[in-house]
Protein backbone atom coordinates (compact mmCIF):
# COMPACT_ATOMS: atom_id res chain seq x y z
CA ALA A 1 0.00 0.09 -0.06
CA GLN A 2 1.20 3.57 -0.75
CA ASN A 3 2.08 5.64 2.20
CA ARG A 4 -0.37 8.48 2.78
CA PHE A 5 1.86 10.69 4.83
CA SER A 6 5.36 11.64 3.70
CA LEU A 7 8.49 13.11 5.15
CA PRO A 8 8.96 16.66 3.66
CA PRO A 9 12.49 17.24 2.34
CA LEU A 10 14.74 19.52 4.42
CA PRO A 11 14.84 22.95 2.94
CA TYR A 12 18.69 22.92 3.06
CA ALA A 13 21.55 20.39 3.21
CA LYS A 14 21.99 18.43 6.44
CA ASN A 15 25.24 20.29 7.29
CA ALA A 16 23.85 23.65 6.32
CA LEU A 17 23.20 24.82 10.01
CA GLU A 18 26.64 23.87 11.30
CA LYS A 19 27.87 27.46 11.28
CA GLY A 20 24.95 28.25 13.59
CA GLY A 21 25.92 25.38 15.99
CA ILE A 22 23.50 22.62 14.78
CA SER A 23 25.54 19.75 13.49
CA SER A 24 24.74 17.50 10.59
CA GLU A 25 24.80 14.60 13.21
CA THR A 26 22.05 16.29 15.10
CA VAL A 27 20.08 16.88 11.95
CA GLU A 28 20.69 13.24 10.93
CA TYR A 29 19.21 11.95 14.26
CA HIS A 30 16.52 14.63 14.67
CA TYR A 31 15.20 14.66 11.04
CA GLY A 32 16.33 11.30 9.87
CA LYS A 33 15.31 9.23 12.90
CA HIS A 34 12.81 11.13 15.02
CA HIS A 35 10.85 13.07 12.45
CA ALA A 36 11.01 10.22 9.94
CA GLY A 37 9.95 7.89 12.67
CA TYR A 38 6.71 9.74 13.40
CA VAL A 39 5.87 9.60 9.72
CA ARG A 40 6.57 5.91 9.57
CA LYS A 41 4.43 5.23 12.67
CA LEU A 42 1.52 7.30 11.41
CA ASN A 43 1.52 5.51 8.01
CA ALA A 44 1.62 2.11 9.94
CA ALA A 45 -1.48 3.27 11.87
CA ASP A 46 -3.20 4.47 8.79
CA GLN A 47 -2.64 1.05 7.07
CA ALA A 48 -4.02 -0.63 10.16
CA GLY A 49 -7.19 1.48 9.75
CA LYS A 50 -6.61 3.62 12.78
CA VAL A 51 -6.46 6.99 10.96
CA ARG A 52 -9.57 8.69 9.71
CA LYS A 53 -9.77 8.61 5.85
CA ASN A 54 -9.00 11.81 3.86
CA ALA A 55 -7.90 13.63 7.16
CA SER A 56 -4.92 15.89 6.73
CA LEU A 57 -2.35 16.47 9.51
CA THR A 58 -4.13 19.72 10.40
CA ASP A 59 -7.48 17.87 10.57
CA LEU A 60 -6.00 15.18 12.98
CA ILE A 61 -4.43 17.94 15.06
CA LEU A 62 -7.73 19.73 15.40
CA THR A 63 -10.00 16.68 15.94
CA GLU A 64 -8.14 13.85 17.62
CA LYS A 65 -8.06 13.66 21.38
CA GLU A 66 -5.00 15.51 22.67
CA ASN A 67 -2.10 13.26 23.63
CA SER A 68 -3.79 10.27 21.84
CA ALA A 69 -1.36 8.29 19.70
CA ILE A 70 -2.75 9.64 16.46
CA PHE A 71 -2.73 13.23 17.63
CA ASN A 72 0.87 12.88 18.87
CA LEU A 73 2.14 11.53 15.67
CA ALA A 74 0.29 14.04 13.40
CA ALA A 75 1.22 16.99 15.52
CA GLN A 76 4.93 15.89 15.80
CA ILE A 77 5.07 15.61 12.00
CA TYR A 78 3.57 19.06 11.56
CA ASN A 79 5.63 20.57 14.34
CA HIS A 80 8.99 19.32 13.10
CA THR A 81 8.30 20.33 9.51
CA PHE A 82 7.43 23.78 10.80
CA TYR A 83 10.54 23.83 12.94
CA TRP A 84 12.97 22.97 10.11
CA GLU A 85 11.37 25.61 7.90
CA SER A 86 11.82 28.13 10.80
CA MET A 87 15.57 27.93 10.31
CA ALA A 88 17.94 28.96 7.50
CA PRO A 89 21.83 28.73 7.01
CA ALA A 90 21.82 32.60 6.60
CA SER A 91 19.41 34.99 8.09
CA ASP A 92 19.04 38.68 7.42
CA GLY A 93 17.56 39.41 10.74
CA CYS A 94 14.11 40.48 11.59
CA THR A 95 12.69 42.99 9.13
CA GLY A 96 9.40 43.94 7.47
CA LYS A 97 5.94 43.78 8.91
CA ILE A 98 6.77 41.03 11.42
CA CYS A 99 9.43 43.26 12.84
CA GLN A 100 7.01 46.20 13.02
CA ALA A 101 4.46 44.00 14.84
CA LEU A 102 7.12 42.65 17.30
CA GLN A 103 8.25 46.27 18.03
CA SER A 104 4.75 47.39 18.52
CA GLN A 105 3.73 44.60 20.84
CA PHE A 106 6.95 43.80 22.74
CA GLY A 107 8.66 47.10 22.53
CA SER A 108 11.46 45.81 20.32
CA CYS A 109 12.56 42.72 18.45
CA GLN A 110 15.24 42.25 21.14
CA GLU A 111 12.66 42.26 23.85
CA PHE A 112 10.64 39.75 22.03
CA MET A 113 13.80 37.54 21.53
CA LYS A 114 14.43 37.86 25.25
CA GLN A 115 10.96 36.77 26.22
CA PHE A 116 10.93 33.94 23.54
CA LYS A 117 14.35 32.54 24.79
CA GLN A 118 13.16 32.78 28.51
CA ARG A 119 10.00 30.80 27.75
CA ALA A 120 12.11 28.20 25.85
CA GLY A 121 14.64 27.98 28.62
CA THR A 122 12.26 27.63 31.45
CA HIS A 123 9.78 25.22 29.85
CA PHE A 124 9.89 22.15 31.97
CA GLY A 125 10.41 18.93 30.21
CA SER A 126 9.71 18.10 26.55
CA GLY A 127 7.69 20.35 24.36
CA TRP A 128 7.52 23.33 22.05
CA VAL A 129 7.49 27.12 22.29
CA TRP A 130 5.54 29.07 19.65
CA LEU A 131 4.99 32.60 18.41
CA SER A 132 1.49 32.80 16.93
CA LEU A 133 -1.10 35.27 15.83
CA ASN A 134 -4.33 35.21 17.81
CA GLN A 135 -7.90 36.05 16.44
CA GLN A 136 -7.44 39.65 17.41
CA LEU A 137 -4.28 39.85 15.17
CA LYS A 138 -1.97 40.05 18.28
CA LEU A 139 1.28 38.09 18.48
CA VAL A 140 1.55 35.87 21.58
CA ILE A 141 4.13 33.49 22.83
CA THR A 142 2.84 30.22 24.06
CA ASP A 143 4.44 26.85 25.21
CA GLY A 144 3.17 23.37 25.82
CA HIS A 145 4.26 19.82 26.56
CA ASP A 146 4.94 16.92 24.26
CA ALA A 147 3.34 17.51 20.83
CA CYS A 148 1.38 20.63 21.76
CA ASN A 149 0.22 22.71 18.79
CA PRO A 150 -1.36 26.16 18.83
CA LEU A 151 -3.82 25.39 16.09
CA ARG A 152 -5.97 23.73 18.80
CA ASP A 153 -6.31 27.16 20.52
CA GLY A 154 -7.47 28.94 17.43
CA LEU A 155 -3.97 30.42 16.95
CA VAL A 156 -2.03 30.73 13.74
CA PRO A 157 1.64 29.91 14.27
CA VAL A 158 4.53 31.84 12.63
CA LEU A 159 7.60 30.52 14.51
CA CYS A 160 8.48 27.49 16.81
CA ILE A 161 11.41 26.01 18.68
CA ASP A 162 11.58 22.35 19.69
CA VAL A 163 12.77 21.98 23.32
CA TRP A 164 12.73 18.18 23.42
CA GLU A 165 16.15 17.07 24.34
CA HIS A 166 16.65 15.12 21.05
CA ALA A 167 16.80 18.64 19.41
CA TYR A 168 20.15 19.43 21.14
CA TYR A 169 21.57 16.56 23.09
CA VAL A 170 24.17 15.45 20.53
CA ASP A 171 25.64 18.91 20.28
CA GLN A 172 24.97 20.50 23.61
CA ARG A 173 24.41 17.61 25.96
CA ASN A 174 22.06 19.21 28.62
CA ASP A 175 22.89 22.82 27.81
CA ARG A 176 19.52 23.87 26.50
CA ALA A 177 20.39 27.58 26.76
CA ALA A 178 23.25 27.19 24.31
CA TYR A 179 21.01 25.46 21.88
CA ILE A 180 18.42 28.23 22.15
CA ASP A 181 21.05 30.79 21.36
CA ASN A 182 21.97 28.80 18.28
CA PHE A 183 18.49 28.44 17.16
CA VAL A 184 17.79 32.21 17.52
CA SER A 185 20.79 32.90 15.37
CA LEU A 186 19.47 30.65 12.64
CA ILE A 187 15.80 31.98 12.54
CA ASN A 188 14.56 32.17 8.98
CA TRP A 189 12.97 35.63 9.28
CA GLU A 190 12.04 35.71 5.64
CA ARG A 191 9.82 32.63 6.23
CA VAL A 192 8.42 33.96 9.56
CA GLU A 193 7.46 37.16 7.68
CA GLN A 194 5.75 35.26 4.97
CA ARG A 195 3.84 33.17 7.55
CA TYR A 196 2.92 36.34 9.47
CA ASN A 197 1.57 38.03 6.35
CA ASP A 198 -0.29 34.95 5.41
CA ALA A 199 -1.81 34.65 8.93
CA VAL A 200 -2.94 38.27 8.92
CA SER A 201 -4.62 37.81 5.56
CA LYS A 202 -6.36 34.59 6.75
CA LEU A 203 -7.62 35.93 10.08
CA ARG A 204 -8.77 39.25 8.47
CA SER A 205 -10.84 37.23 5.91
CA ASN A 206 -12.47 35.51 8.89
CA LEU A 207 -13.43 38.73 10.65
């Protein structure tokens, strides 16, 4: 049987993030084993008839019981794809409308980064930290455990960081703060800006 869910290709080479402190070995494990593993397990569940027909990853995230096996697999595939696309080998820094919005709501891009890094650094255990747009077109930082996803709360995500230990243990051992600094230096602001503009358009059309 053909697999219904696929592992999206990385948007860069596996060694492309090394200048920013994320090694090809980490990417090999994180993408090639963990991310790929979620895809493999969801396809196995699908072939066993445990996944609703015609449901997309987003559908499963929104409708499956939180922390159920199917929710966890679907959300982890979505979250990891979003995470890889949140980074780039070279970043031009925060510019454009997303920068203006961060300045307006947090006082400065630097203040946003400080709060985002603090949330990522103090999150207890495994999980994710997100920057999302809420229904009032306001940017909010949220965090959650395990496979948490802001779509369930009516938010539209524009940036995320993975704080599961498998994201950094090869390179940083237990030094999450060093990993967070590396991630921040690699943020693909062009992609974040694109997501932000798309989110604004989507939410305005719903008003």
